[in-house]
Amino acid sequence: MDEALIRRHRLIICAGNAALIGRPYRLTICALDFDALVAALPLSEGGEEAQLKRIAELQAENSVVGRELEKQLEAAERELEEVRELFGQAADHCLNLKKPE
């Protein structure tokens, strides 16, 4: 596949000449784009079984990271609530709406 040819064809389409180009030509460009995307896919090493094993590993890793993020979110929410409370107390004291305790 000639990358320069693909770029040239895309430039023609992007230059606003799409109305002048026939449908078969646009389909050819789409097919070339599809071929380029397929060629960019990583090779499947080890077959389906290895891929399923890798997927399971990634899901387990994702689960661990998700739990850690959940803990961090809960801690951040607690801290935010504390800051809001302290801000409210400071605002009340500054406005003399409440007597300091």
Protein backbone atom coordinates (compact mmCIF):
# COMPACT_ATOMS: atom_id res chain seq x y z
CA MET A 1 0.00 0.00 0.00
CA ASP A 2 1.43 3.36 -1.03
CA GLU A 3 1.08 5.81 1.88
CA ALA A 4 1.85 8.80 -0.36
CA LEU A 5 -1.00 7.79 -2.66
CA ILE A 6 -3.40 7.51 0.26
CA ARG A 7 -2.36 10.94 1.57
CA ARG A 8 -2.83 12.46 -1.89
CA HIS A 9 -6.31 10.98 -2.21
CA ARG A 10 -7.26 12.23 1.25
CA LEU A 11 -6.04 15.71 0.35
CA ILE A 12 -8.29 15.72 -2.70
CA ILE A 13 -11.29 14.77 -0.58
CA CYS A 14 -10.39 17.18 2.24
CA ALA A 15 -9.91 20.04 -0.21
CA GLY A 16 -13.66 20.24 -0.66
CA ASN A 17 -13.73 18.37 -3.94
CA ALA A 18 -15.70 15.46 -2.53
CA ALA A 19 -18.74 16.43 -4.62
CA LEU A 20 -16.65 16.06 -7.78
CA ILE A 21 -15.37 12.62 -6.84
CA GLY A 22 -17.51 9.61 -7.61
CA ARG A 23 -18.82 7.20 -5.05
CA PRO A 24 -16.62 4.30 -6.24
CA TYR A 25 -13.54 6.43 -5.68
CA ARG A 26 -14.62 7.31 -2.12
CA LEU A 27 -15.31 3.62 -1.45
CA THR A 28 -11.80 2.80 -2.64
CA ILE A 29 -10.36 5.36 -0.23
CA CYS A 30 -12.43 3.88 2.60
CA ALA A 31 -11.19 0.41 1.70
CA LEU A 32 -7.59 1.65 1.76
CA ASP A 33 -8.20 3.26 5.15
CA PHE A 34 -9.67 -0.01 6.43
CA ASP A 35 -6.68 -1.96 5.13
CA ALA A 36 -4.32 0.48 6.86
CA LEU A 37 -6.20 0.05 10.15
CA VAL A 38 -6.14 -3.74 9.89
CA ALA A 39 -2.41 -3.65 9.13
CA ALA A 40 -1.87 -1.53 12.27
CA LEU A 41 -3.51 -4.13 14.52
CA PRO A 42 -1.10 -6.04 16.74
CA LEU A 43 -0.39 -9.60 15.70
CA SER A 44 -2.18 -12.21 17.73
CA GLU A 45 0.65 -14.16 19.27
CA GLY A 46 -0.30 -17.44 20.89
CA GLY A 47 -3.78 -17.66 19.47
CA GLU A 48 -7.16 -17.27 21.08
CA GLU A 49 -6.23 -18.99 24.35
CA ALA A 50 -3.35 -16.57 24.97
CA GLN A 51 -5.60 -13.62 24.15
CA LEU A 52 -8.27 -14.82 26.59
CA LYS A 53 -5.61 -15.27 29.27
CA ARG A 54 -4.33 -11.73 28.65
CA ILE A 55 -7.89 -10.37 28.80
CA ALA A 56 -8.41 -12.09 32.16
CA GLU A 57 -5.14 -10.61 33.45
CA LEU A 58 -6.14 -7.13 32.31
CA GLN A 59 -9.59 -7.50 33.90
CA ALA A 60 -8.00 -8.52 37.21
CA GLU A 61 -5.58 -5.59 37.02
CA ASN A 62 -8.46 -3.27 36.17
CA SER A 63 -10.41 -4.55 39.17
CA VAL A 64 -7.48 -3.88 41.54
CA VAL A 65 -6.98 -0.39 40.14
CA GLY A 66 -10.72 0.25 40.34
CA ARG A 67 -10.83 -0.66 44.02
CA GLU A 68 -7.86 1.59 44.74
CA LEU A 69 -9.48 4.48 42.88
CA GLU A 70 -12.70 3.90 44.82
CA LYS A 71 -10.77 4.16 48.10
CA GLN A 72 -9.09 7.35 46.94
CA LEU A 73 -12.43 8.81 45.88
CA GLU A 74 -14.00 8.01 49.25
CA ALA A 75 -11.05 9.64 51.06
CA ALA A 76 -11.30 12.70 48.84
CA GLU A 77 -15.05 12.97 49.50
CA ARG A 78 -14.43 12.79 53.26
CA GLU A 79 -11.75 15.47 52.99
CA LEU A 80 -14.04 17.66 50.89
CA GLU A 81 -16.77 17.38 53.51
CA GLU A 82 -14.29 18.39 56.23
CA VAL A 83 -13.15 21.38 54.19
CA ARG A 84 -16.75 22.44 53.58
CA GLU A 85 -17.49 22.22 57.30
CA LEU A 86 -14.40 24.23 58.22
CA PHE A 87 -15.19 26.79 55.53
CA GLY A 88 -18.71 27.15 56.87
CA GLN A 89 -17.42 27.61 60.40
CA ALA A 90 -14.87 30.20 59.24
CA ALA A 91 -17.50 32.07 57.27
CA ASP A 92 -19.86 32.08 60.24
CA HIS A 93 -17.12 33.37 62.55
CA CYS A 94 -16.09 36.06 60.09
CA LEU A 95 -19.65 37.26 59.69
CA ASN A 96 -20.29 37.03 63.43
CA LEU A 97 -23.39 34.99 62.81
CA LYS A 98 -22.33 32.54 65.47
CA LYS A 99 -20.33 33.02 68.58
CA PRO A 100 -17.10 31.03 68.60
CA GLU A 101 -17.42 27.84 70.59
